[in-house]
């Protein structure tokens, strides 16, 4: 019986070495994944700040009065009547004989 207990203790200690190595590998993987997560969080925060800045600038640009070339473009009518087209339209519907 004593031999079985000693053999069990030896096998238990031998199996602990493998699990220690596995534990070390798992901790290493956990540390690298945690570092990557923290880097991604920092990147997301930076991008969020840039997005907020861009949104603020866009809102300011939309609310600002139109100036320069933009004002000239918006002041022009979309289509101007062509006098030549007006004459040709009249001549088509001229006298009916």
N, C-alpha and C. Protein backbone atom coordinates (compact mmCIF):
# COMPACT_ATOMS: atom_id res chain seq x y z
N UNK A 1 0.81 -1.18 0.00
CA UNK A 1 0.00 0.00 0.00
C UNK A 1 0.87 1.26 0.00
N UNK A 2 1.94 1.18 0.80
CA UNK A 2 2.83 2.31 0.88
C UNK A 2 3.50 2.57 -0.47
N UNK A 3 3.81 1.53 -1.20
CA UNK A 3 4.45 1.66 -2.51
C UNK A 3 3.50 2.34 -3.48
N UNK A 4 2.22 2.02 -3.37
CA UNK A 4 1.22 2.65 -4.26
C UNK A 4 1.12 4.14 -3.98
N UNK A 5 1.18 4.50 -2.71
CA UNK A 5 1.09 5.91 -2.34
C UNK A 5 2.32 6.67 -2.84
N UNK A 6 3.48 6.04 -2.70
CA UNK A 6 4.71 6.68 -3.19
C UNK A 6 4.69 6.83 -4.70
N UNK A 7 4.23 5.77 -5.36
CA UNK A 7 4.14 5.82 -6.82
C UNK A 7 3.14 6.90 -7.25
N UNK A 8 2.03 7.02 -6.56
CA UNK A 8 1.03 8.04 -6.86
C UNK A 8 1.59 9.44 -6.65
N UNK A 9 2.36 9.62 -5.58
CA UNK A 9 2.96 10.93 -5.29
C UNK A 9 3.98 11.30 -6.36
N UNK A 10 4.79 10.32 -6.80
CA UNK A 10 5.78 10.58 -7.84
C UNK A 10 5.08 10.94 -9.15
N UNK A 11 4.03 10.20 -9.49
CA UNK A 11 3.29 10.50 -10.73
C UNK A 11 2.61 11.88 -10.65
N UNK A 12 2.11 12.22 -9.48
CA UNK A 12 1.46 13.51 -9.30
C UNK A 12 2.47 14.65 -9.50
N UNK A 13 3.65 14.49 -8.88
CA UNK A 13 4.67 15.52 -9.02
C UNK A 13 5.19 15.61 -10.46
N UNK A 14 5.29 14.49 -11.13
CA UNK A 14 5.74 14.50 -12.52
C UNK A 14 4.73 15.20 -13.42
N UNK A 15 3.45 14.99 -13.13
CA UNK A 15 2.43 15.63 -13.95
C UNK A 15 2.34 17.13 -13.67
N UNK A 16 2.75 17.56 -12.49
CA UNK A 16 2.74 18.99 -12.15
C UNK A 16 3.72 19.77 -13.00
N UNK A 17 4.83 19.15 -13.37
CA UNK A 17 5.81 19.86 -14.19
C UNK A 17 5.21 20.24 -15.53
N UNK A 18 4.45 19.36 -16.13
CA UNK A 18 3.80 19.64 -17.42
C UNK A 18 2.77 20.74 -17.27
N UNK A 19 2.03 20.69 -16.17
CA UNK A 19 1.00 21.70 -15.99
C UNK A 19 1.61 23.07 -15.66
N UNK A 20 2.79 23.06 -15.01
CA UNK A 20 3.47 24.33 -14.75
C UNK A 20 3.89 24.98 -16.05
N UNK A 21 4.40 24.16 -16.96
CA UNK A 21 4.80 24.68 -18.27
C UNK A 21 3.58 25.20 -19.03
N UNK A 22 2.50 24.44 -18.96
CA UNK A 22 1.27 24.86 -19.63
C UNK A 22 0.74 26.16 -19.02
N UNK A 23 0.82 26.25 -17.70
CA UNK A 23 0.39 27.46 -17.01
C UNK A 23 1.24 28.66 -17.43
N UNK A 24 2.53 28.47 -17.54
CA UNK A 24 3.44 29.54 -17.96
C UNK A 24 3.11 29.99 -19.38
N UNK A 25 2.83 29.02 -20.27
CA UNK A 25 2.46 29.35 -21.65
C UNK A 25 1.14 30.12 -21.69
N UNK A 26 0.19 29.68 -20.89
CA UNK A 26 -1.11 30.35 -20.84
C UNK A 26 -0.98 31.77 -20.31
N UNK A 27 -0.15 31.96 -19.28
CA UNK A 27 0.06 33.30 -18.74
C UNK A 27 0.74 34.20 -19.76
N UNK A 28 1.67 33.66 -20.50
CA UNK A 28 2.35 34.43 -21.54
C UNK A 28 1.37 34.85 -22.63
N UNK A 29 0.53 33.91 -23.03
CA UNK A 29 -0.49 34.22 -24.04
C UNK A 29 -1.46 35.27 -23.51
N UNK A 30 -1.86 35.12 -22.27
CA UNK A 30 -2.77 36.09 -21.65
C UNK A 30 -2.16 37.48 -21.62
N UNK A 31 -0.88 37.56 -21.26
CA UNK A 31 -0.21 38.85 -21.21
C UNK A 31 -0.14 39.50 -22.59
N UNK A 32 0.17 38.71 -23.62
CA UNK A 32 0.26 39.29 -24.96
C UNK A 32 -1.12 39.72 -25.47
N UNK A 33 -2.15 38.94 -25.17
CA UNK A 33 -3.51 39.30 -25.59
C UNK A 33 -3.98 40.55 -24.84
N UNK A 34 -3.64 40.64 -23.57
CA UNK A 34 -4.00 41.82 -22.78
C UNK A 34 -3.32 43.07 -23.33
N UNK A 35 -2.05 42.96 -23.70
CA UNK A 35 -1.33 44.09 -24.27
C UNK A 35 -1.97 44.52 -25.60
N UNK A 36 -2.29 43.54 -26.42
CA UNK A 36 -2.93 43.83 -27.71
C UNK A 36 -4.29 44.51 -27.49
N UNK A 37 -5.06 44.04 -26.51
CA UNK A 37 -6.35 44.63 -26.20
C UNK A 37 -6.19 46.09 -25.77
N UNK A 38 -5.21 46.34 -24.91
CA UNK A 38 -4.96 47.70 -24.43
C UNK A 38 -4.54 48.62 -25.58
N UNK A 39 -3.71 48.10 -26.49
CA UNK A 39 -3.30 48.89 -27.66
C UNK A 39 -4.49 49.22 -28.54
N UNK A 40 -5.38 48.24 -28.74
CA UNK A 40 -6.56 48.47 -29.57
C UNK A 40 -7.51 49.47 -28.90
N UNK A 41 -7.64 49.39 -27.57
CA UNK A 41 -8.48 50.36 -26.86
C UNK A 41 -7.95 51.77 -27.05
N UNK A 42 -6.63 51.92 -26.95
CA UNK A 42 -6.02 53.24 -27.13
C UNK A 42 -6.24 53.75 -28.54
N UNK A 43 -6.15 52.85 -29.51
CA UNK A 43 -6.36 53.23 -30.91
C UNK A 43 -7.82 53.65 -31.13
N UNK A 44 -8.75 52.92 -30.54
CA UNK A 44 -10.17 53.25 -30.66
C UNK A 44 -10.45 54.63 -30.06
N UNK A 45 -9.86 54.91 -28.89
CA UNK A 45 -10.05 56.21 -28.26
C UNK A 45 -9.50 57.33 -29.13
N UNK A 46 -8.35 57.12 -29.74
CA UNK A 46 -7.75 58.12 -30.63
C UNK A 46 -8.65 58.37 -31.83
N UNK A 47 -9.12 57.29 -32.43
CA UNK A 47 -9.99 57.42 -33.61
C UNK A 47 -11.32 58.07 -33.24
N UNK A 48 -11.84 57.79 -32.05
CA UNK A 48 -13.08 58.40 -31.60
C UNK A 48 -12.91 59.90 -31.43
N UNK A 49 -11.77 60.31 -30.88
CA UNK A 49 -11.49 61.74 -30.73
C UNK A 49 -11.40 62.42 -32.10
N UNK A 50 -10.74 61.77 -33.06
CA UNK A 50 -10.64 62.32 -34.40
C UNK A 50 -12.02 62.44 -35.04
N UNK A 51 -12.86 61.44 -34.85
CA UNK A 51 -14.21 61.46 -35.40
C UNK A 51 -15.03 62.60 -34.79
N UNK A 52 -14.93 62.76 -33.49
CA UNK A 52 -15.65 63.85 -32.83
C UNK A 52 -15.18 65.21 -33.34
N UNK A 53 -13.87 65.38 -33.53
CA UNK A 53 -13.33 66.62 -34.06
C UNK A 53 -13.86 66.88 -35.47
N UNK A 54 -13.88 65.85 -36.29
CA UNK A 54 -14.38 65.98 -37.65
C UNK A 54 -15.86 66.32 -37.66
N UNK A 55 -16.64 65.70 -36.79
CA UNK A 55 -18.06 66.01 -36.70
C UNK A 55 -18.29 67.47 -36.30
N UNK A 56 -17.48 67.94 -35.36
CA UNK A 56 -17.59 69.33 -34.91
C UNK A 56 -17.25 70.28 -36.06
N UNK A 57 -16.20 69.98 -36.79
CA UNK A 57 -15.81 70.82 -37.92
C UNK A 57 -16.88 70.81 -39.01
N UNK A 58 -17.48 69.67 -39.25
CA UNK A 58 -18.53 69.57 -40.26
C UNK A 58 -19.75 70.38 -39.84
N UNK A 59 -20.11 70.29 -38.59
CA UNK A 59 -21.26 71.06 -38.10
C UNK A 59 -20.98 72.56 -38.20
N UNK A 60 -19.76 72.97 -37.90
CA UNK A 60 -19.40 74.38 -38.01
C UNK A 60 -19.43 74.84 -39.46
N UNK A 61 -18.98 73.98 -40.37
CA UNK A 61 -18.98 74.34 -41.79
C UNK A 61 -20.41 74.44 -42.32
N UNK A 62 -21.29 73.58 -41.86
CA UNK A 62 -22.68 73.62 -42.31
C UNK A 62 -23.40 74.85 -41.78
N UNK A 63 -23.08 75.26 -40.57
CA UNK A 63 -23.79 76.39 -39.98
C UNK A 63 -23.21 77.73 -40.41
N UNK A 64 -21.99 77.76 -40.93
CA UNK A 64 -21.37 79.00 -41.37
C UNK A 64 -22.06 79.51 -42.63
N UNK A 65 -22.20 80.84 -42.80
CA UNK A 65 -22.82 81.36 -44.01
C UNK A 65 -21.96 81.08 -45.23
N UNK A 66 -22.61 80.91 -46.35
CA UNK A 66 -21.90 80.61 -47.59
C UNK A 66 -21.11 81.83 -48.03
N UNK A 67 -19.85 81.63 -48.38
CA UNK A 67 -19.00 82.73 -48.82
C UNK A 67 -18.24 82.32 -50.05
N UNK A 68 -17.74 83.32 -50.78
CA UNK A 68 -16.86 83.06 -51.91
C UNK A 68 -17.54 82.33 -53.04
N UNK A 69 -16.85 81.34 -53.57
CA UNK A 69 -17.33 80.60 -54.73
C UNK A 69 -18.60 79.82 -54.41
N UNK A 70 -18.71 79.36 -53.17
CA UNK A 70 -19.89 78.62 -52.78
C UNK A 70 -21.13 79.51 -52.86
N UNK A 71 -21.01 80.76 -52.43
CA UNK A 71 -22.13 81.70 -52.49
C UNK A 71 -22.50 81.98 -53.94
N UNK A 72 -21.52 82.12 -54.82
CA UNK A 72 -21.79 82.38 -56.23
C UNK A 72 -22.52 81.21 -56.87
N UNK A 73 -22.12 80.02 -56.51
CA UNK A 73 -22.78 78.84 -57.08
C UNK A 73 -24.22 78.73 -56.62
N UNK A 74 -24.46 79.01 -55.37
CA UNK A 74 -25.82 78.88 -54.86
C UNK A 74 -26.70 80.02 -55.31
N UNK A 75 -26.12 81.18 -55.67
CA UNK A 75 -26.91 82.33 -56.11
C UNK A 75 -27.38 82.18 -57.55
N UNK A 76 -26.64 81.45 -58.37
CA UNK A 76 -27.01 81.29 -59.78
C UNK A 76 -28.23 80.38 -59.89
N UNK A 77 -29.14 80.71 -60.81
CA UNK A 77 -30.26 79.80 -61.04
C UNK A 77 -29.76 78.52 -61.69
N UNK A 78 -30.50 77.46 -61.51
CA UNK A 78 -30.06 76.16 -62.02
C UNK A 78 -30.13 76.10 -63.54
N UNK A 79 -31.11 76.76 -64.12
CA UNK A 79 -31.18 76.78 -65.58
C UNK A 79 -31.59 78.17 -66.02
N UNK A 80 -30.92 78.66 -67.04
CA UNK A 80 -31.26 79.97 -67.58
C UNK A 80 -31.97 79.77 -68.91
N UNK A 81 -33.02 80.52 -69.16
CA UNK A 81 -33.72 80.35 -70.43
C UNK A 81 -32.85 80.83 -71.58
N UNK A 82 -32.86 80.09 -72.65
CA UNK A 82 -32.09 80.42 -73.84
C UNK A 82 -33.03 81.10 -74.83
N UNK A 83 -32.75 82.35 -75.25
CA UNK A 83 -33.65 83.05 -76.17
C UNK A 83 -33.81 82.31 -77.50
N UNK A 84 -32.80 81.64 -77.97
CA UNK A 84 -32.90 80.91 -79.24
C UNK A 84 -33.91 79.78 -79.11
N UNK A 85 -33.93 79.11 -77.97
CA UNK A 85 -34.88 78.02 -77.76
C UNK A 85 -36.30 78.56 -77.67
N UNK A 86 -36.45 79.76 -77.13
CA UNK A 86 -37.78 80.35 -77.00
C UNK A 86 -38.37 80.64 -78.37
N UNK A 87 -37.56 81.16 -79.32
CA UNK A 87 -38.04 81.46 -80.67
C UNK A 87 -38.43 80.17 -81.39
N UNK A 88 -37.59 79.15 -81.26
CA UNK A 88 -37.89 77.91 -81.97
C UNK A 88 -39.14 77.26 -81.40
N UNK A 89 -39.40 77.42 -80.12
CA UNK A 89 -40.61 76.87 -79.53
C UNK A 89 -41.83 77.60 -80.06
N UNK A 90 -41.73 78.92 -80.25
CA UNK A 90 -42.85 79.70 -80.78
C UNK A 90 -43.11 79.34 -82.22
N UNK A 91 -42.05 79.14 -82.99
CA UNK A 91 -42.24 78.87 -84.42
C UNK A 91 -42.89 77.50 -84.64
N UNK A 92 -42.71 76.60 -83.75
CA UNK A 92 -43.32 75.28 -83.91
C UNK A 92 -44.82 75.37 -83.78
N UNK A 93 -45.30 76.27 -82.96
CA UNK A 93 -46.73 76.37 -82.71
C UNK A 93 -47.33 77.60 -83.38
N UNK A 94 -46.67 78.04 -84.43
CA UNK A 94 -47.16 79.23 -85.13
C UNK A 94 -48.43 78.92 -85.89
N UNK A 95 -48.77 79.69 -86.86
CA UNK A 95 -50.03 79.64 -87.58
C UNK A 95 -50.43 78.26 -88.04
N UNK A 96 -51.68 78.00 -87.83
CA UNK A 96 -52.22 76.73 -88.35
C UNK A 96 -53.07 77.09 -89.56
N UNK A 97 -52.76 76.53 -90.70
CA UNK A 97 -53.52 76.88 -91.88
C UNK A 97 -54.48 75.81 -92.27
